[in-house]
Amino acid sequence: MPAMAREPAYTRLHVDERRRQLLDAGAALFARHAYEEISMRQIAQAAGVSKPLLYHYFPSKNDLFMAAVTEAASELQDRIAPSGEGTPVEQLTASLDSYLEWIEDNGETWSKLMQSAAALPQARELVEGFRARTMDMVLAELTGRRKPRPALRTAIKGWLGYMDAAILDWTQARDLPRAKLRDLLLAAFVATLFAAQQVDPKIKLSLG
């Protein structure tokens, strides 16, 4: 009886390990090639498994791609979550450091995700969802609420778009130290906030 009780846990671990193997193989290919250049056959070969087994875990290439990028986005979201310690600007600085460190280590993955967002609706929704959650966190720290005045909402959305473009250039050129990029993004963020206040003096911010 004890042996039978242990068997399900062993089987579940085996399934999780296999899925992890396939996901890692797919993520590695998606990081180096455009989505349309990769086939399920290539992914199966990279993982060292048969196509039927790959399809058993991921019914389509899109399912595998979305699983890979969702995992990456989730990891990033955890990294940039405010610590609750320090002023809002200090917390944003720490979040940006963690964000840029991850991207520096996974530059190709991040670049391919941003590029695929232009062609794949599901990837675009994921990127937009990530931006929305990021904006919610920033606004909660700055204003104490998640529903900002329109000028502030528009300004921060614009800064998030600027940040994406700046980081994409950084990952491609690799000629600016990470700390300098962080300082550039922070300076642009503060300038964005002051610009929003110029447009709408009723905007109240807590920068610390």
Protein backbone atom coordinates (compact mmCIF):
# COMPACT_ATOMS: atom_id res chain seq x y z
CA MET A 1 0.00 0.00 0.00
CA PRO A 2 2.73 2.55 0.86
CA ALA A 3 4.37 1.93 -2.52
CA MET A 4 1.09 2.63 -4.31
CA ALA A 5 0.67 5.86 -2.36
CA ARG A 6 4.07 7.09 -3.55
CA GLU A 7 3.52 6.26 -7.21
CA PRO A 8 1.31 9.25 -8.24
CA ALA A 9 3.89 11.75 -6.92
CA TYR A 10 6.63 10.04 -8.93
CA THR A 11 4.50 10.05 -12.10
CA ARG A 12 3.56 13.69 -11.69
CA LEU A 13 7.21 14.67 -11.23
CA HIS A 14 8.13 12.78 -14.38
CA VAL A 15 5.44 14.62 -16.36
CA ASP A 16 6.57 17.98 -15.00
CA GLU A 17 10.18 17.24 -15.88
CA ARG A 18 9.23 16.26 -19.43
CA ARG A 19 7.16 19.38 -19.89
CA ARG A 20 10.05 21.45 -18.54
CA GLN A 21 12.41 19.82 -21.05
CA LEU A 22 10.11 20.62 -23.98
CA LEU A 23 9.45 24.13 -22.78
CA ASP A 24 13.16 24.87 -22.40
CA ALA A 25 13.89 23.53 -25.90
CA GLY A 26 11.14 25.64 -27.42
CA ALA A 27 12.12 28.77 -25.49
CA ALA A 28 15.73 28.42 -26.65
CA LEU A 29 14.64 28.26 -30.30
CA PHE A 30 12.15 31.13 -29.96
CA ALA A 31 14.93 33.26 -28.46
CA ARG A 32 17.13 32.79 -31.54
CA HIS A 33 14.64 32.68 -34.40
CA ALA A 34 11.47 34.40 -35.52
CA TYR A 35 8.26 32.60 -34.64
CA GLU A 36 7.42 31.77 -38.25
CA GLU A 37 10.88 30.26 -38.87
CA ILE A 38 10.41 27.49 -36.31
CA SER A 39 8.46 24.26 -36.81
CA MET A 40 7.24 21.73 -34.28
CA ARG A 41 9.55 19.19 -35.93
CA GLN A 42 12.56 21.39 -35.14
CA ILE A 43 11.43 21.81 -31.55
CA ALA A 44 10.98 18.07 -31.17
CA GLN A 45 14.44 17.45 -32.61
CA ALA A 46 16.00 20.03 -30.28
CA ALA A 47 14.32 18.35 -27.30
CA GLY A 48 15.27 14.87 -28.50
CA VAL A 49 11.68 13.61 -28.58
CA SER A 50 9.16 12.54 -31.21
CA LYS A 51 6.62 14.94 -32.70
CA PRO A 52 3.67 12.95 -31.27
CA LEU A 53 5.12 13.31 -27.78
CA LEU A 54 5.62 17.05 -28.27
CA TYR A 55 2.03 17.42 -29.47
CA HIS A 56 0.85 15.45 -26.45
CA TYR A 57 2.17 18.19 -24.17
CA PHE A 58 1.63 21.18 -26.48
CA PRO A 59 -1.17 20.82 -29.09
CA SER A 60 0.31 23.57 -31.29
CA LYS A 61 3.37 25.75 -31.77
CA ASN A 62 1.36 28.70 -30.52
CA ASP A 63 0.55 26.86 -27.28
CA LEU A 64 4.24 26.19 -26.69
CA PHE A 65 5.23 29.76 -27.57
CA MET A 66 2.63 31.27 -25.26
CA ALA A 67 3.65 28.96 -22.41
CA ALA A 68 7.27 30.06 -22.83
CA VAL A 69 6.58 33.80 -22.98
CA THR A 70 3.97 33.65 -20.20
CA GLU A 71 6.55 32.04 -17.95
CA ALA A 72 9.11 34.72 -18.84
CA ALA A 73 6.60 37.51 -18.22
CA SER A 74 5.61 35.99 -14.89
CA GLU A 75 9.23 35.83 -13.79
CA LEU A 76 9.74 39.45 -14.81
CA GLN A 77 6.61 40.55 -12.98
CA ASP A 78 7.84 38.91 -9.80
CA ARG A 79 11.19 40.63 -10.16
CA ILE A 80 9.81 44.14 -10.55
CA ALA A 81 7.21 43.92 -7.78
CA PRO A 82 7.83 46.81 -5.33
CA SER A 83 9.52 45.74 -2.11
CA GLY A 84 7.51 48.17 0.01
CA GLU A 85 10.75 49.54 1.46
CA GLY A 86 11.94 53.06 0.71
CA THR A 87 10.39 55.88 -1.27
CA PRO A 88 8.46 55.21 -4.49
CA VAL A 89 11.44 56.44 -6.53
CA GLU A 90 13.80 54.16 -4.59
CA GLN A 91 11.48 51.22 -5.14
CA LEU A 92 11.22 52.02 -8.85
CA THR A 93 15.01 52.19 -9.03
CA ALA A 94 15.30 48.73 -7.46
CA SER A 95 12.61 47.36 -9.79
CA LEU A 96 14.36 48.76 -12.85
CA ASP A 97 17.66 47.26 -11.71
CA SER A 98 16.06 43.82 -11.42
CA TYR A 99 14.22 44.26 -14.73
CA LEU A 100 17.32 45.29 -16.65
CA GLU A 101 19.42 42.58 -15.03
CA TRP A 102 16.99 39.93 -16.25
CA ILE A 103 16.89 41.41 -19.74
CA GLU A 104 20.68 41.63 -19.85
CA ASP A 105 20.81 37.90 -19.12
CA ASN A 106 17.93 37.09 -21.51
CA GLY A 107 18.27 39.77 -24.16
CA GLU A 108 17.39 37.59 -27.15
CA THR A 109 14.31 36.18 -25.43
CA TRP A 110 13.06 39.66 -24.54
CA SER A 111 13.76 41.08 -28.00
CA LYS A 112 11.93 38.23 -29.74
CA LEU A 113 8.96 38.66 -27.42
CA MET A 114 8.68 42.37 -28.21
CA GLN A 115 9.05 41.71 -31.94
CA SER A 116 6.49 38.91 -31.92
CA ALA A 117 3.98 41.18 -30.19
CA ALA A 118 3.62 43.06 -33.47
CA ALA A 119 2.59 39.91 -35.37
CA LEU A 120 0.88 37.63 -32.86
CA PRO A 121 -2.32 38.82 -31.14
CA GLN A 122 -1.74 36.52 -28.15
CA ALA A 123 1.77 37.84 -27.63
CA ARG A 124 0.53 41.41 -28.00
CA GLU A 125 -2.12 40.78 -25.35
CA LEU A 126 0.51 39.34 -23.03
CA VAL A 127 2.83 42.34 -23.48
CA GLU A 128 -0.03 44.78 -22.99
CA GLY A 129 -1.12 42.90 -19.87
CA PHE A 130 2.41 43.10 -18.51
CA ARG A 131 2.49 46.84 -19.14
CA ALA A 132 -0.90 47.31 -17.50
CA ARG A 133 0.19 45.46 -14.36
CA THR A 134 3.42 47.43 -14.29
CA MET A 135 1.51 50.70 -14.58
CA ASP A 136 -0.85 49.64 -11.78
CA MET A 137 2.09 48.96 -9.48
CA VAL A 138 3.76 52.27 -10.31
CA LEU A 139 0.55 54.24 -9.83
CA ALA A 140 -0.27 52.54 -6.54
CA GLU A 141 3.11 53.64 -5.17
CA LEU A 142 2.90 57.20 -6.53
CA THR A 143 -0.70 58.06 -5.82
CA GLY A 144 -2.00 55.44 -3.40
CA ARG A 145 -4.68 54.43 -5.88
CA ARG A 146 -4.87 52.55 -9.17
CA LYS A 147 -7.22 54.87 -11.03
CA PRO A 148 -5.16 57.93 -11.96
CA ARG A 149 -6.17 61.20 -13.49
CA PRO A 150 -6.19 60.96 -17.32
CA ALA A 151 -3.06 63.05 -17.90
CA LEU A 152 -1.04 60.90 -15.50
CA ARG A 153 -2.35 57.65 -16.99
CA THR A 154 -1.47 58.78 -20.51
CA ALA A 155 1.95 60.03 -19.43
CA ILE A 156 2.94 56.79 -17.70
CA LYS A 157 1.68 54.68 -20.61
CA GLY A 158 3.86 56.82 -22.86
CA TRP A 159 6.84 56.28 -20.58
CA LEU A 160 6.32 52.50 -20.64
CA GLY A 161 6.38 52.61 -24.44
CA TYR A 162 9.53 54.74 -24.34
CA MET A 163 11.11 52.28 -21.91
CA ASP A 164 10.41 49.35 -24.26
CA ALA A 165 11.97 51.20 -27.21
CA ALA A 166 15.01 52.26 -25.20
CA ILE A 167 15.61 48.74 -23.87
CA LEU A 168 15.21 47.22 -27.33
CA ASP A 169 17.89 49.58 -28.65
CA TRP A 170 20.09 48.70 -25.66
CA THR A 171 19.79 44.96 -26.24
CA GLN A 172 20.71 45.39 -29.88
CA ALA A 173 23.55 47.94 -29.56
CA ARG A 174 25.06 46.81 -26.23
CA ASP A 175 27.07 50.05 -26.00
CA LEU A 176 25.55 51.58 -22.84
CA PRO A 177 26.22 50.32 -19.30
CA ARG A 178 23.14 48.97 -17.56
CA ALA A 179 23.40 51.54 -14.75
CA LYS A 180 23.43 54.38 -17.30
CA LEU A 181 20.32 53.02 -18.99
CA ARG A 182 18.59 52.74 -15.61
CA ASP A 183 19.46 56.37 -14.82
CA LEU A 184 18.21 57.44 -18.24
CA LEU A 185 14.88 55.67 -17.72
CA LEU A 186 14.50 57.16 -14.24
CA ALA A 187 15.24 60.68 -15.50
CA ALA A 188 12.68 60.23 -18.26
CA PHE A 189 10.15 58.95 -15.72
CA VAL A 190 10.53 61.95 -13.41
CA ALA A 191 10.33 64.32 -16.38
CA THR A 192 7.16 62.53 -17.48
CA LEU A 193 5.56 63.03 -14.07
CA PHE A 194 6.37 66.73 -13.99
CA ALA A 195 5.05 67.14 -17.53
CA ALA A 196 1.77 65.51 -16.48
CA GLN A 197 1.52 67.90 -13.51
CA GLN A 198 2.08 70.86 -15.81
CA VAL A 199 -0.89 69.74 -17.87
CA ASP A 200 -3.03 68.91 -14.83
CA PRO A 201 -2.00 70.69 -11.57
CA LYS A 202 -4.54 68.56 -9.66
CA ILE A 203 -2.28 65.52 -9.99
CA LYS A 204 -0.88 64.71 -6.55
CA LEU A 205 2.20 62.52 -6.31
CA SER A 206 4.20 60.99 -3.49
CA LEU A 207 7.79 60.73 -4.67
CA GLY A 208 9.31 60.53 -1.20
